[in-house]
């Protein structure tokens, strides 16, 4: 019972991590931008959902995703795009912007944790054989699976996905054959930001929203992307499950060392495959 409950809790946390890390991986994979505002978008999405919860839970999640998508598009167009080719400047600029977003959230919503209630029909526990598990956490697992399938279909089965893959493989050749790379960059940045905002909104009922949430979640997203491989959605999924299990059981068994233990799989993976589990080696 103890281990099974821990495993399901791990999968629920991994679901949140995947939604966050998938957006980061898309942006990093295409734009080669380490978008350090991603954790701030996650926290902002949670706060936006708390303000829009009067519309209903799922409209609030949608509002959070749209709000973060619009802000992400503005960041890409006004900041990241102007610093194209200057990786260090992009990192510093997005890091500074993340501090600004965090401070504005503190100014608007205050410093106390804010919790969001899940919809009534997702509250309570479901009986799974010989044990019960919260319905909302089961919903998160299913939602992450649906998002993963949707992103895979988008990337692998649509014209937009073909353009994204072409731009990732050879940006200059994609431009030469007529792919609107600049607009594609903005669209991917908006999508990645929307996923971060939606992840924060979906996490709010079980994690609450509070100052510092961005700093807690961003390193976990980075770990997932490094382990899974930059630009690989399947790698992000595997990395999320791995980090979710290690983090959850680490908190249960070795709470004082749980955060340190997280970095061990990254070291092992990079020692064997520097490009990550499903990443591709640079040419």
C-alpha atoms as a PDB file:
ATOM      1  CA  UNK A   1       0.000   0.000   0.000  1.00  0.00           C
ATOM      2  CA  UNK A   2       2.737   2.471   1.021  1.00  0.00           C
ATOM      3  CA  UNK A   3       4.796   1.842  -2.100  1.00  0.00           C
ATOM      4  CA  UNK A   4       1.832   1.850  -4.467  1.00  0.00           C
ATOM      5  CA  UNK A   5       0.538   5.124  -3.064  1.00  0.00           C
ATOM      6  CA  UNK A   6       4.032   6.579  -3.398  1.00  0.00           C
ATOM      7  CA  UNK A   7       4.205   5.405  -7.012  1.00  0.00           C
ATOM      8  CA  UNK A   8       0.897   7.065  -7.918  1.00  0.00           C
ATOM      9  CA  UNK A   9       1.974  10.257  -6.157  1.00  0.00           C
ATOM     10  CA  UNK A  10       5.183  10.099  -8.178  1.00  0.00           C
ATOM     11  CA  UNK A  11       3.226   9.807 -11.417  1.00  0.00           C
ATOM     12  CA  UNK A  12       0.980  12.740 -10.465  1.00  0.00           C
ATOM     13  CA  UNK A  13       4.018  14.913  -9.762  1.00  0.00           C
ATOM     14  CA  UNK A  14       5.642  13.653 -12.966  1.00  0.00           C
ATOM     15  CA  UNK A  15       2.531  14.764 -14.857  1.00  0.00           C
ATOM     16  CA  UNK A  16       3.007  18.336 -13.613  1.00  0.00           C
ATOM     17  CA  UNK A  17       6.714  18.192 -14.433  1.00  0.00           C
ATOM     18  CA  UNK A  18       6.023  16.956 -17.956  1.00  0.00           C
ATOM     19  CA  UNK A  19       3.632  19.788 -18.775  1.00  0.00           C
ATOM     20  CA  UNK A  20       6.243  22.262 -17.537  1.00  0.00           C
ATOM     21  CA  UNK A  21       9.286  20.593 -19.093  1.00  0.00           C
ATOM     22  CA  UNK A  22       7.653  19.873 -22.459  1.00  0.00           C
ATOM     23  CA  UNK A  23       7.231  23.591 -23.088  1.00  0.00           C
ATOM     24  CA  UNK A  24      10.812  24.288 -22.025  1.00  0.00           C
ATOM     25  CA  UNK A  25      12.078  21.496 -24.270  1.00  0.00           C
ATOM     26  CA  UNK A  26      10.155  22.805 -27.292  1.00  0.00           C
ATOM     27  CA  UNK A  27      11.578  26.297 -26.853  1.00  0.00           C
ATOM     28  CA  UNK A  28      15.109  25.086 -26.174  1.00  0.00           C
ATOM     29  CA  UNK A  29      14.975  22.536 -28.975  1.00  0.00           C
ATOM     30  CA  UNK A  30      13.942  25.013 -31.660  1.00  0.00           C
ATOM     31  CA  UNK A  31      15.221  28.418 -30.550  1.00  0.00           C
ATOM     32  CA  UNK A  32      18.273  27.169 -28.608  1.00  0.00           C
ATOM     33  CA  UNK A  33      17.208  29.616 -25.903  1.00  0.00           C
ATOM     34  CA  UNK A  34      17.485  28.609 -22.239  1.00  0.00           C
ATOM     35  CA  UNK A  35      14.294  30.447 -21.308  1.00  0.00           C
ATOM     36  CA  UNK A  36      14.764  31.072 -17.590  1.00  0.00           C
ATOM     37  CA  UNK A  37      11.393  32.821 -17.377  1.00  0.00           C
ATOM     38  CA  UNK A  38       9.762  29.399 -17.729  1.00  0.00           C
ATOM     39  CA  UNK A  39       9.504  28.809 -13.992  1.00  0.00           C
ATOM     40  CA  UNK A  40       8.059  32.303 -13.563  1.00  0.00           C
ATOM     41  CA  UNK A  41       5.425  31.519 -16.212  1.00  0.00           C
ATOM     42  CA  UNK A  42       4.538  28.375 -14.240  1.00  0.00           C
ATOM     43  CA  UNK A  43       4.025  30.413 -11.079  1.00  0.00           C
ATOM     44  CA  UNK A  44       2.201  33.184 -12.959  1.00  0.00           C
ATOM     45  CA  UNK A  45      -0.157  30.614 -14.478  1.00  0.00           C
ATOM     46  CA  UNK A  46      -1.046  29.440 -10.995  1.00  0.00           C
ATOM     47  CA  UNK A  47      -1.729  32.981  -9.818  1.00  0.00           C
ATOM     48  CA  UNK A  48      -3.802  33.813 -12.900  1.00  0.00           C
ATOM     49  CA  UNK A  49      -5.875  30.697 -12.289  1.00  0.00           C
ATOM     50  CA  UNK A  50      -6.553  31.765  -8.690  1.00  0.00           C
ATOM     51  CA  UNK A  51      -7.859  35.110  -9.959  1.00  0.00           C
ATOM     52  CA  UNK A  52      -9.988  33.557 -12.718  1.00  0.00           C
ATOM     53  CA  UNK A  53     -11.334  30.655 -10.662  1.00  0.00           C
ATOM     54  CA  UNK A  54     -14.734  32.355 -10.456  1.00  0.00           C
ATOM     55  CA  UNK A  55     -15.202  31.462 -14.133  1.00  0.00           C
ATOM     56  CA  UNK A  56     -14.829  27.781 -13.292  1.00  0.00           C
ATOM     57  CA  UNK A  57     -11.770  25.600 -12.940  1.00  0.00           C
ATOM     58  CA  UNK A  58     -11.127  24.707 -16.576  1.00  0.00           C
ATOM     59  CA  UNK A  59     -11.858  28.223 -17.899  1.00  0.00           C
ATOM     60  CA  UNK A  60      -9.354  29.431 -15.285  1.00  0.00           C
ATOM     61  CA  UNK A  61      -6.732  26.963 -16.575  1.00  0.00           C
ATOM     62  CA  UNK A  62      -7.420  28.154 -20.130  1.00  0.00           C
ATOM     63  CA  UNK A  63      -7.159  31.794 -19.046  1.00  0.00           C
ATOM     64  CA  UNK A  64      -3.822  31.064 -17.375  1.00  0.00           C
ATOM     65  CA  UNK A  65      -2.503  29.346 -20.495  1.00  0.00           C
ATOM     66  CA  UNK A  66      -3.656  32.176 -22.778  1.00  0.00           C
ATOM     67  CA  UNK A  67      -2.267  34.863 -20.485  1.00  0.00           C
ATOM     68  CA  UNK A  68       1.139  33.202 -20.349  1.00  0.00           C
ATOM     69  CA  UNK A  69       1.081  32.568 -24.110  1.00  0.00           C
ATOM     70  CA  UNK A  70       0.507  36.268 -24.800  1.00  0.00           C
ATOM     71  CA  UNK A  71       3.245  37.290 -22.381  1.00  0.00           C
ATOM     72  CA  UNK A  72       5.580  34.667 -23.857  1.00  0.00           C
ATOM     73  CA  UNK A  73       4.966  35.976 -27.366  1.00  0.00           C
ATOM     74  CA  UNK A  74       5.785  39.495 -26.200  1.00  0.00           C
ATOM     75  CA  UNK A  75       8.965  38.299 -24.477  1.00  0.00           C
ATOM     76  CA  UNK A  76      10.110  36.461 -27.593  1.00  0.00           C
ATOM     77  CA  UNK A  77       9.337  39.320 -29.959  1.00  0.00           C
ATOM     78  CA  UNK A  78      10.581  42.217 -27.841  1.00  0.00           C
ATOM     79  CA  UNK A  79      13.456  40.609 -25.954  1.00  0.00           C
ATOM     80  CA  UNK A  80      14.687  37.216 -27.116  1.00  0.00           C
ATOM     81  CA  UNK A  81      14.497  37.947 -30.833  1.00  0.00           C
ATOM     82  CA  UNK A  82      16.488  41.162 -30.422  1.00  0.00           C
ATOM     83  CA  UNK A  83      19.252  39.176 -28.719  1.00  0.00           C
ATOM     84  CA  UNK A  84      19.428  36.439 -31.355  1.00  0.00           C
ATOM     85  CA  UNK A  85      22.842  34.791 -31.441  1.00  0.00           C
ATOM     86  CA  UNK A  86      23.824  36.217 -28.042  1.00  0.00           C
ATOM     87  CA  UNK A  87      23.231  33.217 -25.786  1.00  0.00           C
ATOM     88  CA  UNK A  88      24.674  34.709 -22.610  1.00  0.00           C
ATOM     89  CA  UNK A  89      22.661  37.901 -23.067  1.00  0.00           C
ATOM     90  CA  UNK A  90      19.486  35.850 -23.595  1.00  0.00           C
ATOM     91  CA  UNK A  91      20.096  33.855 -20.431  1.00  0.00           C
ATOM     92  CA  UNK A  92      20.745  36.979 -18.361  1.00  0.00           C
ATOM     93  CA  UNK A  93      17.790  38.839 -19.867  1.00  0.00           C
ATOM     94  CA  UNK A  94      15.322  35.997 -19.252  1.00  0.00           C
ATOM     95  CA  UNK A  95      16.722  35.485 -15.755  1.00  0.00           C
ATOM     96  CA  UNK A  96      16.242  39.157 -14.967  1.00  0.00           C
ATOM     97  CA  UNK A  97      12.728  39.091 -16.404  1.00  0.00           C
ATOM     98  CA  UNK A  98      11.875  36.109 -14.211  1.00  0.00           C
ATOM     99  CA  UNK A  99      12.804  38.186 -11.142  1.00  0.00           C
ATOM    100  CA  UNK A 100      10.589  41.016 -12.398  1.00  0.00           C
ATOM    101  CA  UNK A 101       7.625  38.658 -12.915  1.00  0.00           C
ATOM    102  CA  UNK A 102       8.156  37.133  -9.460  1.00  0.00           C
ATOM    103  CA  UNK A 103       8.257  40.568  -7.832  1.00  0.00           C
ATOM    104  CA  UNK A 104       5.105  41.672  -9.643  1.00  0.00           C
ATOM    105  CA  UNK A 105       3.315  38.497  -8.527  1.00  0.00           C
ATOM    106  CA  UNK A 106       4.360  39.242  -4.949  1.00  0.00           C
ATOM    107  CA  UNK A 107       3.091  42.815  -5.312  1.00  0.00           C
ATOM    108  CA  UNK A 108      -0.274  41.797  -6.782  1.00  0.00           C
ATOM    109  CA  UNK A 109      -1.098  38.572  -4.925  1.00  0.00           C
ATOM    110  CA  UNK A 110       0.884  38.973  -1.708  1.00  0.00           C
ATOM    111  CA  UNK A 111       3.254  36.607   0.043  1.00  0.00           C
ATOM    112  CA  UNK A 112       0.796  34.079   1.477  1.00  0.00           C
ATOM    113  CA  UNK A 113       0.203  30.729  -0.256  1.00  0.00           C
ATOM    114  CA  UNK A 114      -3.026  30.674  -2.259  1.00  0.00           C
ATOM    115  CA  UNK A 115      -4.836  27.391  -2.757  1.00  0.00           C
ATOM    116  CA  UNK A 116      -7.312  26.514  -5.488  1.00  0.00           C
ATOM    117  CA  UNK A 117     -10.060  23.954  -5.103  1.00  0.00           C
ATOM    118  CA  UNK A 118     -10.418  21.276  -7.722  1.00  0.00           C
ATOM    119  CA  UNK A 119     -13.849  20.924  -9.363  1.00  0.00           C
ATOM    120  CA  UNK A 120     -16.365  19.135  -7.186  1.00  0.00           C
ATOM    121  CA  UNK A 121     -16.488  16.136  -9.506  1.00  0.00           C
ATOM    122  CA  UNK A 122     -12.700  15.730  -9.233  1.00  0.00           C
ATOM    123  CA  UNK A 123     -12.611  15.858  -5.442  1.00  0.00           C
ATOM    124  CA  UNK A 124     -12.553  12.850  -3.159  1.00  0.00           C
ATOM    125  CA  UNK A 125     -10.860   9.528  -3.729  1.00  0.00           C
ATOM    126  CA  UNK A 126     -11.318   6.721  -6.216  1.00  0.00           C
ATOM    127  CA  UNK A 127     -11.135   3.097  -5.158  1.00  0.00           C
ATOM    128  CA  UNK A 128      -8.418   1.267  -7.082  1.00  0.00           C
ATOM    129  CA  UNK A 129      -8.571  -2.327  -5.997  1.00  0.00           C
ATOM    130  CA  UNK A 130      -7.414  -2.458  -2.384  1.00  0.00           C
ATOM    131  CA  UNK A 131      -6.490   1.212  -1.954  1.00  0.00           C
ATOM    132  CA  UNK A 132      -7.950   4.646  -2.563  1.00  0.00           C
ATOM    133  CA  UNK A 133      -6.266   7.523  -4.384  1.00  0.00           C
ATOM    134  CA  UNK A 134      -7.318  11.172  -4.903  1.00  0.00           C
ATOM    135  CA  UNK A 135      -9.333  11.600  -8.079  1.00  0.00           C
ATOM    136  CA  UNK A 136      -7.664  14.879  -8.979  1.00  0.00           C
ATOM    137  CA  UNK A 137      -4.202  13.322  -8.977  1.00  0.00           C
ATOM    138  CA  UNK A 138      -5.483  10.580 -11.273  1.00  0.00           C
ATOM    139  CA  UNK A 139      -6.886  13.313 -13.503  1.00  0.00           C
ATOM    140  CA  UNK A 140      -3.442  14.957 -13.678  1.00  0.00           C
ATOM    141  CA  UNK A 141      -1.909  11.697 -14.890  1.00  0.00           C
ATOM    142  CA  UNK A 142      -4.556  11.330 -17.588  1.00  0.00           C
ATOM    143  CA  UNK A 143      -4.304  15.024 -18.559  1.00  0.00           C
ATOM    144  CA  UNK A 144      -0.529  14.770 -18.980  1.00  0.00           C
ATOM    145  CA  UNK A 145      -0.971  11.687 -21.167  1.00  0.00           C
ATOM    146  CA  UNK A 146      -3.503  13.545 -23.344  1.00  0.00           C
ATOM    147  CA  UNK A 147      -1.170  16.555 -23.632  1.00  0.00           C
ATOM    148  CA  UNK A 148       1.731  14.254 -24.549  1.00  0.00           C
ATOM    149  CA  UNK A 149      -0.314  12.599 -27.301  1.00  0.00           C
ATOM    150  CA  UNK A 150      -1.519  15.972 -28.551  1.00  0.00           C
ATOM    151  CA  UNK A 151       2.014  17.379 -28.717  1.00  0.00           C
ATOM    152  CA  UNK A 152       3.257  14.255 -30.484  1.00  0.00           C
ATOM    153  CA  UNK A 153       0.488  14.536 -33.081  1.00  0.00           C
ATOM    154  CA  UNK A 154       1.267  18.243 -33.513  1.00  0.00           C
ATOM    155  CA  UNK A 155       4.987  17.677 -34.054  1.00  0.00           C
ATOM    156  CA  UNK A 156       4.820  14.453 -36.056  1.00  0.00           C
ATOM    157  CA  UNK A 157       1.542  14.629 -37.992  1.00  0.00           C
ATOM    158  CA  UNK A 158       0.910  18.263 -38.931  1.00  0.00           C
ATOM    159  CA  UNK A 159       2.401  20.770 -41.356  1.00  0.00           C
ATOM    160  CA  UNK A 160       3.336  23.007 -38.435  1.00  0.00           C
ATOM    161  CA  UNK A 161       5.160  20.100 -36.837  1.00  0.00           C
ATOM    162  CA  UNK A 162       7.022  19.375 -40.071  1.00  0.00           C
ATOM    163  CA  UNK A 163       8.128  23.009 -40.200  1.00  0.00           C
ATOM    164  CA  UNK A 164       9.257  22.855 -36.572  1.00  0.00           C
ATOM    165  CA  UNK A 165      11.304  19.724 -37.246  1.00  0.00           C
ATOM    166  CA  UNK A 166      12.795  21.268 -40.381  1.00  0.00           C
ATOM    167  CA  UNK A 167      13.804  24.399 -38.480  1.00  0.00           C
ATOM    168  CA  UNK A 168      15.362  22.299 -35.715  1.00  0.00           C
ATOM    169  CA  UNK A 169      17.371  20.216 -38.208  1.00  0.00           C
ATOM    170  CA  UNK A 170      18.550  23.059 -40.451  1.00  0.00           C
ATOM    171  CA  UNK A 171      17.327  26.576 -39.745  1.00  0.00           C
ATOM    172  CA  UNK A 172      18.928  28.203 -42.788  1.00  0.00           C
ATOM    173  CA  UNK A 173      17.682  25.565 -45.226  1.00  0.00           C
ATOM    174  CA  UNK A 174      14.185  25.886 -43.757  1.00  0.00           C
ATOM    175  CA  UNK A 175      14.309  29.622 -44.448  1.00  0.00           C
ATOM    176  CA  UNK A 176      15.530  28.928 -47.985  1.00  0.00           C
ATOM    177  CA  UNK A 177      12.523  26.725 -48.798  1.00  0.00           C
ATOM    178  CA  UNK A 178      10.036  29.275 -47.510  1.00  0.00           C
ATOM    179  CA  UNK A 179       9.430  28.284 -43.893  1.00  0.00           C
ATOM    180  CA  UNK A 180       8.562  31.476 -41.926  1.00  0.00           C
ATOM    181  CA  UNK A 181      11.104  30.724 -39.227  1.00  0.00           C
ATOM    182  CA  UNK A 182      10.656  33.975 -37.286  1.00  0.00           C
ATOM    183  CA  UNK A 183       6.887  33.526 -36.952  1.00  0.00           C
ATOM    184  CA  UNK A 184       7.454  29.863 -36.165  1.00  0.00           C
ATOM    185  CA  UNK A 185       9.782  30.836 -33.321  1.00  0.00           C
ATOM    186  CA  UNK A 186       7.119  33.121 -31.866  1.00  0.00           C
ATOM    187  CA  UNK A 187       4.426  30.430 -32.171  1.00  0.00           C
ATOM    188  CA  UNK A 188       6.614  27.843 -30.415  1.00  0.00           C
ATOM    189  CA  UNK A 189       7.536  30.314 -27.669  1.00  0.00           C
ATOM    190  CA  UNK A 190       3.826  31.045 -27.137  1.00  0.00           C
ATOM    191  CA  UNK A 191       3.039  27.314 -27.023  1.00  0.00           C
ATOM    192  CA  UNK A 192       5.828  26.602 -24.543  1.00  0.00           C
ATOM    193  CA  UNK A 193       4.741  29.502 -22.337  1.00  0.00           C
ATOM    194  CA  UNK A 194       1.114  28.362 -22.505  1.00  0.00           C
ATOM    195  CA  UNK A 195       2.143  24.888 -21.341  1.00  0.00           C
ATOM    196  CA  UNK A 196       4.027  26.409 -18.406  1.00  0.00           C
ATOM    197  CA  UNK A 197       1.002  28.526 -17.448  1.00  0.00           C
ATOM    198  CA  UNK A 198      -1.363  25.576 -17.779  1.00  0.00           C
ATOM    199  CA  UNK A 199       1.001  23.459 -15.679  1.00  0.00           C
ATOM    200  CA  UNK A 200       0.968  26.033 -12.892  1.00  0.00           C
ATOM    201  CA  UNK A 201      -2.825  26.242 -12.984  1.00  0.00           C
ATOM    202  CA  UNK A 202      -3.233  22.455 -12.940  1.00  0.00           C
ATOM    203  CA  UNK A 203      -0.735  22.137 -10.072  1.00  0.00           C
ATOM    204  CA  UNK A 204      -2.448  24.778  -7.918  1.00  0.00           C
ATOM    205  CA  UNK A 205      -4.991  22.441  -6.253  1.00  0.00           C
ATOM    206  CA  UNK A 206      -2.269  20.145  -4.898  1.00  0.00           C
ATOM    207  CA  UNK A 207       0.752  22.462  -4.540  1.00  0.00           C
ATOM    208  CA  UNK A 208      -0.905  25.859  -3.918  1.00  0.00           C
ATOM    209  CA  UNK A 209       0.718  28.973  -5.388  1.00  0.00           C
ATOM    210  CA  UNK A 210       3.305  30.936  -3.414  1.00  0.00           C
ATOM    211  CA  UNK A 211       6.392  33.116  -3.873  1.00  0.00           C
ATOM    212  CA  UNK A 212       9.400  30.976  -4.715  1.00  0.00           C
ATOM    213  CA  UNK A 213       7.424  28.332  -6.596  1.00  0.00           C
ATOM    214  CA  UNK A 214       9.220  29.364  -9.779  1.00  0.00           C
ATOM    215  CA  UNK A 215      12.643  28.813  -8.193  1.00  0.00           C
ATOM    216  CA  UNK A 216      11.587  25.365  -6.972  1.00  0.00           C
ATOM    217  CA  UNK A 217      10.167  24.148 -10.293  1.00  0.00           C
ATOM    218  CA  UNK A 218      12.621  25.552 -12.851  1.00  0.00           C
ATOM    219  CA  UNK A 219      15.608  23.388 -11.772  1.00  0.00           C
ATOM    220  CA  UNK A 220      13.368  20.305 -11.948  1.00  0.00           C
ATOM    221  CA  UNK A 221      12.336  21.211 -15.505  1.00  0.00           C
ATOM    222  CA  UNK A 222      15.992  21.677 -16.423  1.00  0.00           C
ATOM    223  CA  UNK A 223      16.828  18.267 -14.985  1.00  0.00           C
ATOM    224  CA  UNK A 224      14.027  16.645 -16.983  1.00  0.00           C
ATOM    225  CA  UNK A 225      15.176  18.237 -20.242  1.00  0.00           C
ATOM    226  CA  UNK A 226      18.855  17.408 -19.655  1.00  0.00           C
ATOM    227  CA  UNK A 227      18.105  13.784 -18.795  1.00  0.00           C
ATOM    228  CA  UNK A 228      15.538  13.235 -21.559  1.00  0.00           C
ATOM    229  CA  UNK A 229      17.390  15.113 -24.285  1.00  0.00           C
ATOM    230  CA  UNK A 230      16.893  18.632 -25.607  1.00  0.00           C
ATOM    231  CA  UNK A 231      13.960  18.898 -28.002  1.00  0.00           C
ATOM    232  CA  UNK A 232      12.687  15.361 -27.363  1.00  0.00           C
ATOM    233  CA  UNK A 233       9.091  15.129 -26.103  1.00  0.00           C
ATOM    234  CA  UNK A 234       9.468  11.409 -25.431  1.00  0.00           C
ATOM    235  CA  UNK A 235      12.645  12.178 -23.525  1.00  0.00           C
ATOM    236  CA  UNK A 236      10.792  14.815 -21.482  1.00  0.00           C
ATOM    237  CA  UNK A 237       8.137  12.240 -20.623  1.00  0.00           C
ATOM    238  CA  UNK A 238      10.700   9.654 -19.514  1.00  0.00           C
ATOM    239  CA  UNK A 239      12.713  12.257 -17.628  1.00  0.00           C
ATOM    240  CA  UNK A 240       9.594  13.539 -15.867  1.00  0.00           C
ATOM    241  CA  UNK A 241       8.649  10.066 -14.653  1.00  0.00           C
ATOM    242  CA  UNK A 242      12.206   9.388 -13.502  1.00  0.00           C
ATOM    243  CA  UNK A 243      12.547  12.688 -11.623  1.00  0.00           C
ATOM    244  CA  UNK A 244       9.005  12.379 -10.231  1.00  0.00           C
ATOM    245  CA  UNK A 245       9.763   8.960  -8.751  1.00  0.00           C
ATOM    246  CA  UNK A 246      13.155   9.964  -7.340  1.00  0.00           C
ATOM    247  CA  UNK A 247      11.824  13.212  -5.882  1.00  0.00           C
ATOM    248  CA  UNK A 248       8.711  11.686  -4.308  1.00  0.00           C
ATOM    249  CA  UNK A 249      10.391   8.638  -2.805  1.00  0.00           C
ATOM    250  CA  UNK A 250      13.352  10.786  -1.788  1.00  0.00           C
ATOM    251  CA  UNK A 251      10.965  13.004   0.192  1.00  0.00           C
ATOM    252  CA  UNK A 252       9.400   9.916   1.751  1.00  0.00           C
ATOM    253  CA  UNK A 253      12.590   8.024   2.617  1.00  0.00           C
ATOM    254  CA  UNK A 254      15.430  10.578   2.795  1.00  0.00           C
ATOM    255  CA  UNK A 255      13.835  14.031   3.154  1.00  0.00           C
ATOM    256  CA  UNK A 256      17.114  15.738   4.079  1.00  0.00           C
ATOM    257  CA  UNK A 257      18.830  14.435   0.937  1.00  0.00           C
ATOM    258  CA  UNK A 258      15.892  14.357  -1.480  1.00  0.00           C
ATOM    259  CA  UNK A 259      17.015  17.389  -3.477  1.00  0.00           C
ATOM    260  CA  UNK A 260      20.652  16.263  -3.694  1.00  0.00           C
ATOM    261  CA  UNK A 261      19.663  12.790  -4.884  1.00  0.00           C
ATOM    262  CA  UNK A 262      17.863  14.360  -7.855  1.00  0.00           C
ATOM    263  CA  UNK A 263      21.159  15.247  -9.506  1.00  0.00           C
ATOM    264  CA  UNK A 264      22.583  11.720  -9.403  1.00  0.00           C
ATOM    265  CA  UNK A 265      20.638  10.426 -12.435  1.00  0.00           C
ATOM    266  CA  UNK A 266      21.666  13.516 -14.412  1.00  0.00           C
ATOM    267  CA  UNK A 267      25.340  12.802 -13.688  1.00  0.00           C
ATOM    268  CA  UNK A 268      24.947   9.137 -14.665  1.00  0.00           C
ATOM    269  CA  UNK A 269      23.036   9.903 -17.859  1.00  0.00           C
ATOM    270  CA  UNK A 270      25.470  12.610 -18.984  1.00  0.00           C
ATOM    271  CA  UNK A 271      28.409  10.304 -18.293  1.00  0.00           C
ATOM    272  CA  UNK A 272      26.970   7.693 -20.669  1.00  0.00           C
ATOM    273  CA  UNK A 273      24.989   9.854 -23.117  1.00  0.00           C
ATOM    274  CA  UNK A 274      25.958  13.544 -23.018  1.00  0.00           C
ATOM    275  CA  UNK A 275      23.037  14.373 -25.347  1.00  0.00           C
ATOM    276  CA  UNK A 276      20.480  12.816 -22.973  1.00  0.00           C
ATOM    277  CA  UNK A 277      18.513   9.585 -23.143  1.00  0.00           C
ATOM    278  CA  UNK A 278      16.670  10.388 -26.382  1.00  0.00           C
ATOM    279  CA  UNK A 279      18.559  13.455 -27.533  1.00  0.00           C
ATOM    280  CA  UNK A 280      20.524  13.555 -30.744  1.00  0.00           C
ATOM    281  CA  UNK A 281      24.246  14.212 -30.782  1.00  0.00           C
ATOM    282  CA  UNK A 282      25.274  17.481 -32.376  1.00  0.00           C
ATOM    283  CA  UNK A 283      26.711  17.155 -35.824  1.00  0.00           C
END
